[in-house]
Amino acid sequence: MAKGQELIYAAVGIGDLAVEKAARLTKLADPVAAQKAYDDVIKRGRTFSKKVSNSAATKRALAQTKTARSQIKAATTSVSKAVEANVQATRSIAQRFAKAS
């Protein structure tokens, strides 16, 4: 499994665990303590998200994705032009044979 995907799963798992714990806190503790725990979890998630989005690995992955997208677009254009040229050449040859017959 890719490291980036593991990080996403970890964040989702932590979020799910936090929601579960916060739900338990509301049943067992006073609302003020539950709200504080919930606010702490939000702060932790925000900090983690910023760390991931500002990391060098994330920035590299985004740059590589952008490059790959550009290359795929260029390849698609090239293939489309090659197919069109092939169609034109085939028509030209077919017309020559039709006239020669």
N, C-alpha and C. Protein backbone atom coordinates (compact mmCIF):
# COMPACT_ATOMS: atom_id res chain seq x y z
N MET A 1 0.85 -1.17 0.00
CA MET A 1 0.00 0.00 0.00
C MET A 1 0.90 1.23 0.00
N ALA A 2 0.52 2.23 -0.76
CA ALA A 2 1.30 3.45 -0.88
C ALA A 2 1.28 4.21 0.44
N LYS A 3 2.39 4.89 0.72
CA LYS A 3 2.52 5.63 1.97
C LYS A 3 1.45 6.72 2.08
N GLY A 4 1.18 7.42 0.99
CA GLY A 4 0.16 8.45 1.01
C GLY A 4 -1.21 7.89 1.36
N GLN A 5 -1.51 6.73 0.81
CA GLN A 5 -2.80 6.10 1.09
C GLN A 5 -2.87 5.67 2.55
N GLU A 6 -1.76 5.17 3.11
CA GLU A 6 -1.73 4.80 4.51
C GLU A 6 -2.02 6.01 5.40
N LEU A 7 -1.43 7.15 5.03
CA LEU A 7 -1.65 8.36 5.82
C LEU A 7 -3.12 8.78 5.79
N ILE A 8 -3.74 8.65 4.65
CA ILE A 8 -5.16 9.00 4.55
C ILE A 8 -5.98 8.06 5.42
N TYR A 9 -5.69 6.77 5.35
CA TYR A 9 -6.43 5.81 6.17
C TYR A 9 -6.20 6.08 7.66
N ALA A 10 -4.96 6.44 8.01
CA ALA A 10 -4.66 6.75 9.41
C ALA A 10 -5.47 7.95 9.88
N ALA A 11 -5.53 8.97 9.05
CA ALA A 11 -6.29 10.18 9.42
C ALA A 11 -7.77 9.86 9.56
N VAL A 12 -8.30 9.08 8.65
CA VAL A 12 -9.72 8.71 8.73
C VAL A 12 -9.96 7.87 9.98
N GLY A 13 -9.05 6.95 10.25
CA GLY A 13 -9.19 6.11 11.45
C GLY A 13 -9.13 6.92 12.73
N ILE A 14 -8.23 7.86 12.78
CA ILE A 14 -8.12 8.72 13.95
C ILE A 14 -9.38 9.56 14.10
N GLY A 15 -9.87 10.06 12.99
CA GLY A 15 -11.10 10.84 13.05
C GLY A 15 -12.27 10.02 13.55
N ASP A 16 -12.39 8.79 13.05
CA ASP A 16 -13.46 7.91 13.48
C ASP A 16 -13.34 7.59 14.96
N LEU A 17 -12.13 7.30 15.41
CA LEU A 17 -11.89 7.02 16.82
C LEU A 17 -12.24 8.23 17.67
N ALA A 18 -11.87 9.40 17.21
CA ALA A 18 -12.15 10.62 17.97
C ALA A 18 -13.66 10.85 18.10
N VAL A 19 -14.38 10.63 17.01
CA VAL A 19 -15.83 10.80 17.07
C VAL A 19 -16.44 9.80 18.05
N GLU A 20 -15.94 8.58 18.02
CA GLU A 20 -16.44 7.55 18.94
C GLU A 20 -16.16 7.94 20.39
N LYS A 21 -14.93 8.39 20.66
CA LYS A 21 -14.56 8.80 22.01
C LYS A 21 -15.37 10.01 22.46
N ALA A 22 -15.58 10.97 21.56
CA ALA A 22 -16.36 12.15 21.90
C ALA A 22 -17.79 11.77 22.21
N ALA A 23 -18.33 10.82 21.47
CA ALA A 23 -19.70 10.38 21.74
C ALA A 23 -19.79 9.72 23.12
N ARG A 24 -18.78 8.95 23.49
CA ARG A 24 -18.75 8.33 24.82
C ARG A 24 -18.63 9.39 25.91
N LEU A 25 -17.81 10.39 25.64
CA LEU A 25 -17.63 11.44 26.64
C LEU A 25 -18.93 12.17 26.94
N THR A 26 -19.72 12.38 25.92
CA THR A 26 -20.98 13.09 26.15
C THR A 26 -21.91 12.29 27.03
N LYS A 27 -21.77 10.97 27.00
CA LYS A 27 -22.62 10.13 27.84
C LYS A 27 -22.07 10.02 29.25
N LEU A 28 -20.75 10.01 29.39
CA LEU A 28 -20.13 9.75 30.69
C LEU A 28 -19.73 11.01 31.45
N ALA A 29 -19.40 12.04 30.75
CA ALA A 29 -18.87 13.22 31.42
C ALA A 29 -19.80 14.40 31.24
N ASP A 30 -19.40 15.48 31.85
CA ASP A 30 -20.21 16.69 31.69
C ASP A 30 -19.98 17.28 30.30
N PRO A 31 -20.92 18.06 29.83
CA PRO A 31 -20.83 18.61 28.47
C PRO A 31 -19.60 19.49 28.24
N VAL A 32 -19.13 20.16 29.24
CA VAL A 32 -17.95 21.03 29.09
C VAL A 32 -16.71 20.20 28.78
N ALA A 33 -16.54 19.10 29.49
CA ALA A 33 -15.38 18.23 29.25
C ALA A 33 -15.48 17.59 27.86
N ALA A 34 -16.69 17.19 27.48
CA ALA A 34 -16.89 16.59 26.16
C ALA A 34 -16.58 17.60 25.06
N GLN A 35 -17.01 18.83 25.23
CA GLN A 35 -16.75 19.87 24.23
C GLN A 35 -15.25 20.14 24.13
N LYS A 36 -14.56 20.16 25.28
CA LYS A 36 -13.11 20.41 25.27
C LYS A 36 -12.39 19.28 24.53
N ALA A 37 -12.79 18.04 24.80
CA ALA A 37 -12.17 16.90 24.12
C ALA A 37 -12.42 16.99 22.61
N TYR A 38 -13.63 17.35 22.24
CA TYR A 38 -13.98 17.48 20.83
C TYR A 38 -13.16 18.60 20.17
N ASP A 39 -13.04 19.72 20.86
CA ASP A 39 -12.24 20.83 20.32
C ASP A 39 -10.77 20.44 20.16
N ASP A 40 -10.26 19.66 21.12
CA ASP A 40 -8.88 19.18 21.01
C ASP A 40 -8.69 18.28 19.79
N VAL A 41 -9.67 17.43 19.55
CA VAL A 41 -9.60 16.54 18.39
C VAL A 41 -9.63 17.35 17.10
N ILE A 42 -10.47 18.37 17.05
CA ILE A 42 -10.53 19.23 15.86
C ILE A 42 -9.18 19.91 15.64
N LYS A 43 -8.60 20.42 16.70
CA LYS A 43 -7.30 21.09 16.60
C LYS A 43 -6.23 20.11 16.09
N ARG A 44 -6.24 18.91 16.64
CA ARG A 44 -5.27 17.89 16.22
C ARG A 44 -5.44 17.55 14.74
N GLY A 45 -6.68 17.39 14.31
CA GLY A 45 -6.95 17.07 12.91
C GLY A 45 -6.52 18.19 11.98
N ARG A 46 -6.78 19.43 12.37
CA ARG A 46 -6.39 20.59 11.57
C ARG A 46 -4.87 20.65 11.44
N THR A 47 -4.17 20.45 12.57
CA THR A 47 -2.71 20.47 12.56
C THR A 47 -2.15 19.37 11.67
N PHE A 48 -2.71 18.18 11.78
CA PHE A 48 -2.25 17.06 10.98
C PHE A 48 -2.49 17.32 9.49
N SER A 49 -3.66 17.84 9.16
CA SER A 49 -3.98 18.13 7.76
C SER A 49 -3.01 19.15 7.17
N LYS A 50 -2.69 20.17 7.94
CA LYS A 50 -1.74 21.18 7.47
C LYS A 50 -0.37 20.58 7.27
N LYS A 51 0.04 19.71 8.20
CA LYS A 51 1.35 19.06 8.08
C LYS A 51 1.43 18.24 6.80
N VAL A 52 0.37 17.48 6.53
CA VAL A 52 0.36 16.63 5.33
C VAL A 52 0.36 17.48 4.07
N SER A 53 -0.49 18.50 4.03
CA SER A 53 -0.58 19.30 2.81
C SER A 53 0.65 20.17 2.59
N ASN A 54 1.38 20.48 3.64
CA ASN A 54 2.60 21.29 3.49
C ASN A 54 3.86 20.44 3.37
N SER A 55 3.74 19.13 3.44
CA SER A 55 4.92 18.28 3.39
C SER A 55 5.52 18.25 1.98
N ALA A 56 6.80 18.02 1.94
CA ALA A 56 7.52 17.96 0.66
C ALA A 56 6.99 16.79 -0.19
N ALA A 57 6.70 15.68 0.45
CA ALA A 57 6.21 14.51 -0.29
C ALA A 57 4.88 14.81 -0.97
N THR A 58 4.00 15.50 -0.27
CA THR A 58 2.71 15.85 -0.86
C THR A 58 2.89 16.79 -2.03
N LYS A 59 3.76 17.77 -1.87
CA LYS A 59 4.01 18.73 -2.95
C LYS A 59 4.62 18.04 -4.16
N ARG A 60 5.54 17.09 -3.92
CA ARG A 60 6.12 16.33 -5.02
C ARG A 60 5.06 15.51 -5.73
N ALA A 61 4.19 14.86 -4.96
CA ALA A 61 3.13 14.04 -5.56
C ALA A 61 2.20 14.91 -6.40
N LEU A 62 1.86 16.08 -5.92
CA LEU A 62 1.00 16.98 -6.70
C LEU A 62 1.69 17.42 -7.99
N ALA A 63 2.98 17.73 -7.89
CA ALA A 63 3.73 18.15 -9.09
C ALA A 63 3.82 17.00 -10.10
N GLN A 64 4.06 15.79 -9.61
CA GLN A 64 4.15 14.64 -10.50
C GLN A 64 2.79 14.36 -11.16
N THR A 65 1.73 14.53 -10.41
CA THR A 65 0.39 14.33 -10.97
C THR A 65 0.12 15.35 -12.06
N LYS A 66 0.51 16.59 -11.83
CA LYS A 66 0.30 17.64 -12.82
C LYS A 66 1.11 17.34 -14.09
N THR A 67 2.35 16.90 -13.91
CA THR A 67 3.20 16.56 -15.05
C THR A 67 2.60 15.39 -15.83
N ALA A 68 2.17 14.36 -15.10
CA ALA A 68 1.58 13.19 -15.76
C ALA A 68 0.32 13.57 -16.53
N ARG A 69 -0.48 14.43 -15.94
CA ARG A 69 -1.71 14.88 -16.61
C ARG A 69 -1.37 15.59 -17.92
N SER A 70 -0.34 16.45 -17.89
CA SER A 70 0.07 17.17 -19.10
C SER A 70 0.59 16.20 -20.15
N GLN A 71 1.36 15.21 -19.71
CA GLN A 71 1.91 14.23 -20.66
C GLN A 71 0.79 13.40 -21.30
N ILE A 72 -0.19 13.03 -20.50
CA ILE A 72 -1.31 12.25 -21.04
C ILE A 72 -2.10 13.08 -22.04
N LYS A 73 -2.30 14.35 -21.72
CA LYS A 73 -3.03 15.22 -22.64
C LYS A 73 -2.26 15.36 -23.96
N ALA A 74 -0.94 15.54 -23.87
CA ALA A 74 -0.12 15.67 -25.08
C ALA A 74 -0.14 14.37 -25.89
N ALA A 75 -0.07 13.24 -25.21
CA ALA A 75 -0.10 11.95 -25.90
C ALA A 75 -1.45 11.73 -26.59
N THR A 76 -2.52 12.12 -25.93
CA THR A 76 -3.85 12.00 -26.53
C THR A 76 -3.95 12.83 -27.80
N THR A 77 -3.43 14.05 -27.72
CA THR A 77 -3.44 14.92 -28.90
C THR A 77 -2.63 14.30 -30.03
N SER A 78 -1.45 13.79 -29.72
CA SER A 78 -0.59 13.18 -30.74
C SER A 78 -1.26 11.97 -31.38
N VAL A 79 -1.86 11.13 -30.56
CA VAL A 79 -2.53 9.95 -31.09
C VAL A 79 -3.70 10.36 -31.98
N SER A 80 -4.46 11.35 -31.54
CA SER A 80 -5.60 11.81 -32.35
C SER A 80 -5.13 12.33 -33.71
N LYS A 81 -4.06 13.11 -33.70
CA LYS A 81 -3.52 13.63 -34.97
C LYS A 81 -3.00 12.51 -35.85
N ALA A 82 -2.34 11.52 -35.24
CA ALA A 82 -1.82 10.40 -36.02
C ALA A 82 -2.95 9.59 -36.64
N VAL A 83 -4.01 9.38 -35.88
CA VAL A 83 -5.16 8.64 -36.41
C VAL A 83 -5.79 9.41 -37.56
N GLU A 84 -5.95 10.72 -37.40
CA GLU A 84 -6.53 11.53 -38.46
C GLU A 84 -5.66 11.50 -39.72
N ALA A 85 -4.33 11.58 -39.53
CA ALA A 85 -3.42 11.52 -40.68
C ALA A 85 -3.52 10.16 -41.37
N ASN A 86 -3.65 9.11 -40.59
CA ASN A 86 -3.78 7.77 -41.15
C ASN A 86 -5.09 7.63 -41.93
N VAL A 87 -6.15 8.19 -41.39
CA VAL A 87 -7.44 8.16 -42.08
C VAL A 87 -7.33 8.90 -43.42
N GLN A 88 -6.71 10.06 -43.41
CA GLN A 88 -6.54 10.84 -44.64
C GLN A 88 -5.70 10.08 -45.66
N ALA A 89 -4.61 9.46 -45.20
CA ALA A 89 -3.75 8.71 -46.12
C ALA A 89 -4.51 7.52 -46.71
N THR A 90 -5.29 6.84 -45.89
CA THR A 90 -6.06 5.68 -46.36
C THR A 90 -7.10 6.12 -47.39
N ARG A 91 -7.75 7.24 -47.14
CA ARG A 91 -8.73 7.75 -48.10
C ARG A 91 -8.06 8.11 -49.43
N SER A 92 -6.90 8.75 -49.33
CA SER A 92 -6.16 9.15 -50.53
C SER A 92 -5.77 7.93 -51.37
N ILE A 93 -5.28 6.91 -50.69
CA ILE A 93 -4.90 5.70 -51.40
C ILE A 93 -6.12 5.02 -52.01
N ALA A 94 -7.19 4.98 -51.26
CA ALA A 94 -8.43 4.35 -51.76
C ALA A 94 -8.95 5.10 -52.98
N GLN A 95 -8.85 6.41 -52.98
CA GLN A 95 -9.31 7.21 -54.12
C GLN A 95 -8.44 6.95 -55.33
N ARG A 96 -7.14 6.82 -55.12
CA ARG A 96 -6.22 6.54 -56.25
C ARG A 96 -6.54 5.19 -56.89
N PHE A 97 -6.79 4.18 -56.04
CA PHE A 97 -7.14 2.86 -56.57
C PHE A 97 -8.48 2.90 -57.27
N ALA A 98 -9.41 3.69 -56.76
CA ALA A 98 -10.74 3.78 -57.37
C ALA A 98 -10.64 4.42 -58.74
N LYS A 99 -9.78 5.43 -58.88
CA LYS A 99 -9.60 6.11 -60.17
C LYS A 99 -8.86 5.20 -61.15
N ALA A 100 -7.91 4.41 -60.63
CA ALA A 100 -7.13 3.53 -61.51
C ALA A 100 -7.96 2.36 -62.03
N SER A 101 -9.01 2.01 -61.32
CA SER A 101 -9.81 0.86 -61.76
C SER A 101 -10.71 1.16 -62.86
